Protein backbone atom coordinates (compact mmCIF):
# COMPACT_ATOMS: atom_id res chain seq x y z
CA MET A 1 146.37 129.66 143.41
CA GLY A 2 144.67 127.00 145.81
CA LYS A 3 141.96 124.66 144.33
CA ILE A 4 141.37 125.03 140.83
CA ILE A 5 137.63 125.91 140.38
CA GLY A 6 135.91 126.12 136.93
CA ILE A 7 132.49 126.44 135.39
CA ASP A 8 130.91 124.95 132.43
CA VAL A 9 128.89 126.99 130.17
CA SER A 10 126.46 127.25 127.11
CA GLU A 11 124.04 129.81 125.65
CA HIS A 12 121.78 129.48 128.63
CA ASN A 13 124.26 131.47 130.55
CA GLY A 14 123.86 134.19 127.90
CA VAL A 15 127.25 136.55 127.30
CA VAL A 16 129.71 135.78 129.78
CA ASN A 17 132.31 138.49 131.09
CA TRP A 18 135.20 136.52 130.89
CA SER A 19 137.42 139.14 132.01
CA ALA A 20 135.54 139.13 135.59
CA ALA A 21 135.70 135.29 135.40
CA LYS A 22 139.33 135.39 135.53
CA LYS A 23 139.41 138.16 137.71
CA ALA A 24 137.31 136.10 140.51
CA GLY A 25 139.80 133.05 140.17
CA ILE A 26 137.85 130.84 137.47
CA GLY A 27 140.82 128.30 136.59
CA PHE A 28 139.10 126.46 133.50
CA ALA A 29 136.16 126.38 131.49
CA VAL A 30 134.08 123.48 129.90
CA ILE A 31 132.25 125.00 126.92
CA ARG A 32 129.45 123.50 125.05
CA THR A 33 129.68 123.20 121.29
CA GLY A 34 126.01 122.21 120.85
CA TYR A 35 123.94 119.12 120.77
CA GLY A 36 123.04 116.59 118.37
CA THR A 37 124.68 116.81 114.72
CA SER A 38 122.81 120.12 113.78
CA HIS A 39 122.84 122.50 116.50
CA VAL A 40 125.66 124.90 117.45
CA ASP A 41 125.51 126.55 120.88
CA LYS A 42 124.74 130.34 120.35
CA GLN A 43 127.41 131.35 122.51
CA PHE A 44 130.11 128.82 121.47
CA ALA A 45 132.15 130.82 119.58
CA ALA A 46 132.02 133.95 121.86
CA ASN A 47 132.81 131.67 124.55
CA MET A 48 135.89 130.13 123.09
CA ALA A 49 137.11 133.41 122.15
CA GLY A 50 136.43 135.06 125.51
CA ALA A 51 138.06 132.25 127.64
CA ALA A 52 140.89 131.99 125.28
CA ALA A 53 141.81 135.78 125.53
CA GLN A 54 142.03 135.61 129.15
CA GLY A 55 144.19 132.70 129.19
CA ILE A 56 141.56 130.16 130.81
CA PRO A 57 142.15 126.34 130.24
CA ILE A 58 139.47 125.23 128.00
CA GLY A 59 137.40 121.77 127.66
CA ILE A 60 134.59 120.77 125.67
CA TYR A 61 131.08 119.38 126.29
CA HIS A 62 128.51 118.22 123.82
CA PHE A 63 124.99 117.09 124.57
CA SER A 64 123.97 114.00 122.95
CA TYR A 65 120.64 113.06 121.37
CA ALA A 66 121.99 110.03 119.27
CA LEU A 67 119.58 107.22 119.17
CA THR A 68 122.48 104.60 118.52
CA ALA A 69 126.01 104.03 118.75
CA ALA A 70 126.50 104.86 115.07
CA GLY A 71 124.54 107.99 115.88
CA ALA A 72 127.18 109.22 118.75
CA LYS A 73 129.87 108.52 116.37
CA GLN A 74 128.14 110.89 114.00
CA GLU A 75 127.76 113.31 116.82
CA ALA A 76 131.50 112.81 117.64
CA ASP A 77 132.46 113.84 113.77
CA TYR A 78 130.18 116.93 114.13
CA VAL A 79 132.15 117.87 117.04
CA ILE A 80 135.64 117.43 115.35
CA LYS A 81 134.59 119.82 112.64
CA LEU A 82 133.57 122.47 115.12
CA LEU A 83 136.52 122.24 117.03
CA ALA A 84 139.05 122.28 113.94
CA ALA A 85 139.77 125.84 114.21
CA TYR A 86 140.32 125.56 118.00
CA LYS A 87 142.28 122.67 118.38
CA ASN A 88 145.39 124.29 119.90
CA GLN A 89 143.32 126.15 122.42
CA ILE A 90 141.47 122.85 123.76
CA THR A 91 143.84 121.53 126.71
CA LEU A 92 141.28 119.94 128.73
CA PRO A 93 139.12 116.86 127.71
CA VAL A 94 136.08 116.92 125.30
CA PHE A 95 133.01 115.54 126.95
CA PHE A 96 130.15 113.18 125.98
CA ASP A 97 127.03 114.53 127.73
CA PHE A 98 124.13 111.88 127.85
CA GLU A 99 121.72 112.71 130.26
CA TYR A 100 117.97 112.21 131.11
CA ASP A 101 116.79 114.50 128.35
CA THR A 102 118.60 112.29 126.00
CA VAL A 103 116.53 109.40 127.21
CA ASP A 104 113.36 111.26 126.79
CA TYR A 105 114.03 112.32 123.44
CA ALA A 106 114.57 108.91 122.38
CA LYS A 107 111.60 107.40 124.00
CA LYS A 108 109.58 109.94 121.78
CA GLN A 109 110.99 108.64 119.07
CA GLY A 110 110.05 105.05 120.36
CA VAL A 111 113.61 104.00 121.20
CA THR A 112 114.43 103.05 125.02
CA LEU A 113 118.32 103.99 126.10
CA GLY A 114 119.32 102.30 129.09
CA LYS A 115 122.45 101.14 130.46
CA ASP A 116 123.91 99.55 127.59
CA ALA A 117 123.12 102.36 125.24
CA PHE A 118 125.03 104.89 127.73
CA ASN A 119 128.04 102.82 127.88
CA ALA A 120 128.06 101.91 123.97
CA HIS A 121 127.18 105.71 122.89
CA THR A 122 129.95 106.99 125.40
CA VAL A 123 132.52 104.59 123.95
CA ALA A 124 131.48 105.12 120.30
CA PHE A 125 131.69 108.95 120.82
CA CYS A 126 134.95 108.95 123.08
CA GLU A 127 136.97 106.39 120.82
CA ARG A 128 136.11 108.99 117.87
CA ILE A 129 137.18 111.89 119.75
CA LYS A 130 140.69 110.03 120.97
CA ALA A 131 141.31 109.07 117.33
CA ALA A 132 140.82 112.93 116.57
CA GLY A 133 143.98 113.72 118.77
CA TYR A 134 141.87 115.03 121.75
CA THR A 135 141.43 113.58 125.29
CA PRO A 136 137.97 111.97 125.53
CA GLY A 137 135.73 112.23 128.83
CA THR A 138 132.27 111.19 130.12
CA TYR A 139 129.77 113.22 132.26
CA TYR A 140 127.30 111.68 134.67
CA ASN A 141 125.70 112.31 137.97
CA LEU A 142 125.22 110.01 141.06
CA ASP A 143 121.90 108.17 139.75
CA TYR A 144 123.37 107.52 136.48
CA LEU A 145 126.67 106.26 138.18
CA ARG A 146 124.48 103.76 140.10
CA LYS A 147 122.15 102.77 137.43
CA TYR A 148 124.03 103.09 133.96
CA VAL A 149 127.99 103.67 134.38
CA ASP A 150 130.18 100.45 133.64
CA MET A 151 133.62 101.29 134.60
CA ASP A 152 135.00 98.26 132.79
CA GLN A 153 133.88 100.16 129.66
CA VAL A 154 134.12 103.74 130.33
CA GLY A 155 136.56 104.09 133.35
CA GLY A 156 139.47 104.76 131.06
CA TYR A 157 137.96 108.00 129.98
CA VAL A 158 138.15 111.39 132.09
CA GLN A 159 135.43 111.08 134.54
CA TRP A 160 133.49 114.27 135.18
CA TYR A 161 131.03 113.84 137.91
CA ALA A 162 127.88 115.85 138.96
CA GLN A 163 126.64 115.99 142.55
CA TYR A 164 125.19 119.20 144.20
CA SER A 165 126.24 118.54 147.53
CA SER A 166 128.75 119.60 150.05
CA THR A 167 130.10 116.05 149.96
CA ALA A 168 130.43 113.89 146.85
CA SER A 169 129.35 110.61 147.54
CA ALA A 170 131.56 108.70 144.86
CA ALA A 171 135.32 108.93 144.19
CA GLY A 172 137.54 108.57 141.64
CA HIS A 173 136.42 111.29 139.36
CA ASP A 174 138.71 113.82 137.69
CA ILE A 175 136.26 117.00 137.74
CA TRP A 176 133.42 117.28 140.69
CA GLN A 177 130.48 119.50 139.54
CA TYR A 178 129.27 120.45 142.90
CA SER A 179 126.55 123.19 142.50
CA SER A 180 124.60 124.91 139.74
CA SER A 181 124.39 128.13 141.73
CA TYR A 182 127.71 129.63 141.38
CA THR A 183 128.03 133.55 141.45
CA ILE A 184 130.94 135.41 139.84
CA PRO A 185 131.25 139.41 140.63
CA GLY A 186 130.70 141.08 137.10
CA CYS A 187 128.69 138.26 135.68
CA SER A 188 125.10 138.00 135.57
CA GLY A 189 123.11 134.70 136.49
CA ARG A 190 124.16 131.60 138.06
CA PHE A 191 126.78 129.12 137.03
CA ASP A 192 127.71 125.39 137.29
CA VAL A 193 130.84 125.24 139.33
CA ASN A 194 133.35 122.49 139.19
CA LEU A 195 136.46 121.46 141.24
CA LEU A 196 139.36 119.92 139.45
CA GLU A 197 140.17 116.87 141.26
CA ASN A 198 142.87 115.87 138.94
CA THR A 199 145.29 118.65 138.35
CA ALA A 200 147.55 116.50 136.04
CA LEU A 201 144.84 117.37 133.36
CA LEU A 202 146.27 120.71 133.44
CA GLY A 203 149.71 119.57 133.51
CA LYS A 204 149.93 121.47 137.09
CA LYS A 205 152.15 120.29 139.85
CA TYR A 206 151.85 121.27 143.43
CA THR A 207 154.65 121.94 145.74
CA LEU A 208 154.77 119.31 148.64
CA GLY A 209 153.52 120.31 152.00
CA TRP A 210 151.21 122.99 153.34
CA HIS A 211 149.21 125.44 151.50
CA GLN A 212 146.89 128.11 152.43
CA ASP A 213 144.25 129.99 150.19
CA SER A 214 141.22 132.13 150.98
CA LYS A 215 139.17 129.24 152.33
CA GLY A 216 141.79 127.52 154.83
CA TRP A 217 144.70 125.20 154.97
CA TRP A 218 145.31 122.10 152.69
CA TYR A 219 148.04 119.81 152.57
CA VAL A 220 149.71 118.48 149.12
CA ASP A 221 150.93 114.68 149.57
CA THR A 222 152.08 114.20 145.72
CA GLU A 223 152.94 116.83 142.90
CA THR A 224 149.23 116.48 141.75
CA THR A 225 147.40 115.32 144.89
CA TYR A 226 146.14 116.61 148.13
CA TYR A 227 144.67 115.06 151.20
CA LYS A 228 140.78 115.10 151.17
CA SER A 229 138.19 113.09 153.11
CA ARG A 230 140.66 111.47 155.48
CA TRP A 231 143.02 111.60 158.56
CA ALA A 232 146.38 112.20 157.94
CA GLN A 233 149.62 112.39 160.29
CA ILE A 234 151.92 115.01 159.56
CA GLY A 235 154.93 115.98 161.63
CA GLY A 236 153.67 113.47 164.42
CA GLU A 237 150.15 115.20 164.63
CA TRP A 238 146.90 114.20 163.30
CA TYR A 239 144.61 116.29 161.12
CA TYR A 240 141.49 115.66 159.14
CA PHE A 241 140.98 117.08 155.61
CA ASP A 242 137.34 117.26 154.47
CA GLU A 243 135.80 116.30 150.93
CA LYS A 244 137.15 119.47 149.42
CA GLY A 245 140.67 118.95 151.09
CA TYR A 246 140.72 121.71 153.68
CA MET A 247 141.79 121.23 157.49
CA LEU A 248 139.01 121.20 159.95
CA MET A 249 139.63 123.26 162.80
CA ASP A 250 137.98 124.21 166.11
CA THR A 251 135.50 121.21 165.60
CA TRP A 252 134.55 117.71 166.24
CA LYS A 253 134.98 114.92 163.98
CA VAL A 254 132.83 111.87 164.29
CA ASP A 255 133.60 108.75 162.22
CA SER A 256 133.24 104.74 162.57
CA THR A 257 136.27 104.78 165.12
CA GLY A 258 135.09 107.68 167.38
CA THR A 259 134.68 111.35 168.11
CA TYR A 260 137.53 113.39 167.99
CA TYR A 261 138.19 117.27 168.18
CA LEU A 262 140.48 119.24 166.29
CA GLY A 263 142.09 122.25 167.77
CA GLU A 264 142.31 125.82 166.59
CA ASP A 265 145.49 124.77 164.92
CA GLY A 266 143.79 121.69 163.45
CA LYS A 267 145.75 119.16 165.21
CA MET A 268 143.58 116.40 167.00
CA MET A 269 143.51 117.25 170.79
CA THR A 270 144.39 114.64 173.22
CA ASN A 271 144.90 114.34 177.25
CA ARG A 272 142.01 116.83 177.60
CA ILE A 273 138.84 116.60 179.63
CA VAL A 274 135.56 117.57 178.32
CA GLY A 275 132.99 120.17 179.45
CA LEU A 276 130.36 122.80 178.67
CA GLY A 277 131.86 125.71 177.28
CA ALA A 278 130.38 129.50 177.17
CA ASP A 279 128.40 128.61 174.03
CA GLY A 280 126.80 125.86 175.61
CA LYS A 281 128.70 123.15 173.52
CA LEU A 282 130.70 120.43 174.85
CA ARG A 283 134.58 121.50 174.18
CA PRO A 284 137.91 120.12 175.22
CA MET A 285 138.69 121.95 178.50
CA GLU A 286 142.19 122.55 180.09
CA ARG A 287 143.17 119.64 182.41
CA TYR A 288 143.41 120.71 186.20
CA TYR A 289 145.58 118.79 188.53
CA HIS A 290 144.86 118.91 192.24
CA LEU A 291 147.46 116.36 193.73
CA LEU A 292 150.88 115.51 192.52
CA SER A 293 149.69 111.93 192.23
CA ASP A 294 147.26 113.50 189.45
CA LEU A 295 150.18 114.38 187.08
CA PRO A 296 150.94 111.93 184.17
CA ASP A 297 154.41 110.43 184.16
CA TYR A 298 155.61 112.58 181.41
CA TYR A 299 155.16 115.77 183.72
CA ARG A 300 156.59 113.88 186.94
CA LYS A 301 159.99 113.37 185.22
CA GLU A 302 160.44 116.92 185.15
CA ILE A 303 158.12 118.12 188.08
CA ASP A 304 159.61 115.79 190.77
CA PRO A 305 163.10 117.24 190.43
CA LEU A 306 161.64 120.71 191.02
CA ILE A 307 159.84 119.46 194.40
CA ALA A 308 162.90 117.73 195.58
CA ALA A 309 165.12 120.93 195.17
CA GLY A 310 162.45 123.03 196.89
CA LYS A 311 161.50 124.83 194.02
CA LEU A 312 157.77 123.72 193.98
CA LYS A 313 156.34 123.50 197.55
CA GLY A 314 152.82 122.75 196.55
CA LYS A 315 149.89 124.63 198.97
CA SER A 316 149.80 121.60 201.43
CA GLY A 317 150.12 117.93 201.85
CA LYS A 318 153.27 115.73 201.24
CA GLY A 319 154.38 113.27 198.80
CA GLU A 320 151.70 112.06 196.40
CA ASN A 321 149.16 113.85 198.19
CA LEU A 322 150.96 117.23 197.66
CA VAL A 323 148.14 119.80 196.76
CA LEU A 324 149.23 121.35 193.46
CA ASP A 325 145.95 122.99 192.27
CA MET A 326 147.40 123.94 188.82
CA PRO A 327 146.16 124.13 185.55
CA GLU A 328 147.89 122.46 183.00
CA SER A 329 149.05 125.50 181.55
CA THR A 330 151.10 126.22 184.50
CA VAL A 331 152.57 122.84 184.97
CA ARG A 332 153.71 123.25 181.46
CA ALA A 333 155.08 126.65 181.98
CA MET A 334 157.06 125.68 185.02
CA ILE A 335 158.82 123.13 182.90
CA ILE A 336 159.83 125.31 180.22
CA LEU A 337 160.92 127.75 182.38
CA ASN A 338 163.05 125.44 184.24
CA ARG A 339 164.72 124.24 181.14
CA VAL A 340 165.98 127.51 180.43
């Protein structure tokens, strides 16, 4: 299996066909327990049983309506009671979910919840969850990351980050929720979908080197990480890996250092001229050598002896003005044939 994709679910998703989810490659699930200190999600028990029956790793999230840090701790106690029967089935974190609706609810109660509250409530909930033997985590989106999240206080918990985009603006998260419109064959409706960035949460270890899945090629640099959003030099060649970790191929890459072209094999192309392709787009073109003097030194080392031996006579001219009129592929072919 390649990248680990998971869904988070609640009663809003209705009845989930977990067998279909497993068949579609869903690698983990984050299941809502409920909210506050009294509401159990209507599909909580069914989702727990369904995911467990398919061997899908399970994490938990609980939506908060706490008005104080003490209230967040009470919510944690409520969650711990709900999870008592499932403790051996939960291998992923238990997440604290403090969102816009949390703030709106508090405002109606005459309470203003801001940055201090977000962090204090998160710590209260997570510390109580940790004391009960679970791995705690916090959930937030880009807006909250900028306005509310204090990493000095909550950075030690597992980070579940939401941004519905093809590119994550932030780094350092463990799970990235990147869309709310994911569809699964055999399941009705749309799902929130997540990419597990930190595979160590599952105890999963990758094999170092190149890997390929249905979406493309990716490269594992350690047992738990793979290249993403960066250039990497592998085997003396340069490659670029996108924000999801897939190697770019047959495309241009523009960054602060310049404009580069990645070939059909993903390698950064060098020593090419640029021209218009049949599709009207700029593309690297095969270099064409008119005169002997046009050849780079690394070709001259092998071509000059061929000329001296009379194996390459050119079309006209002499010396540096010997007319070759050869594409680079022909020059390379002559060199390779001469080595045989």
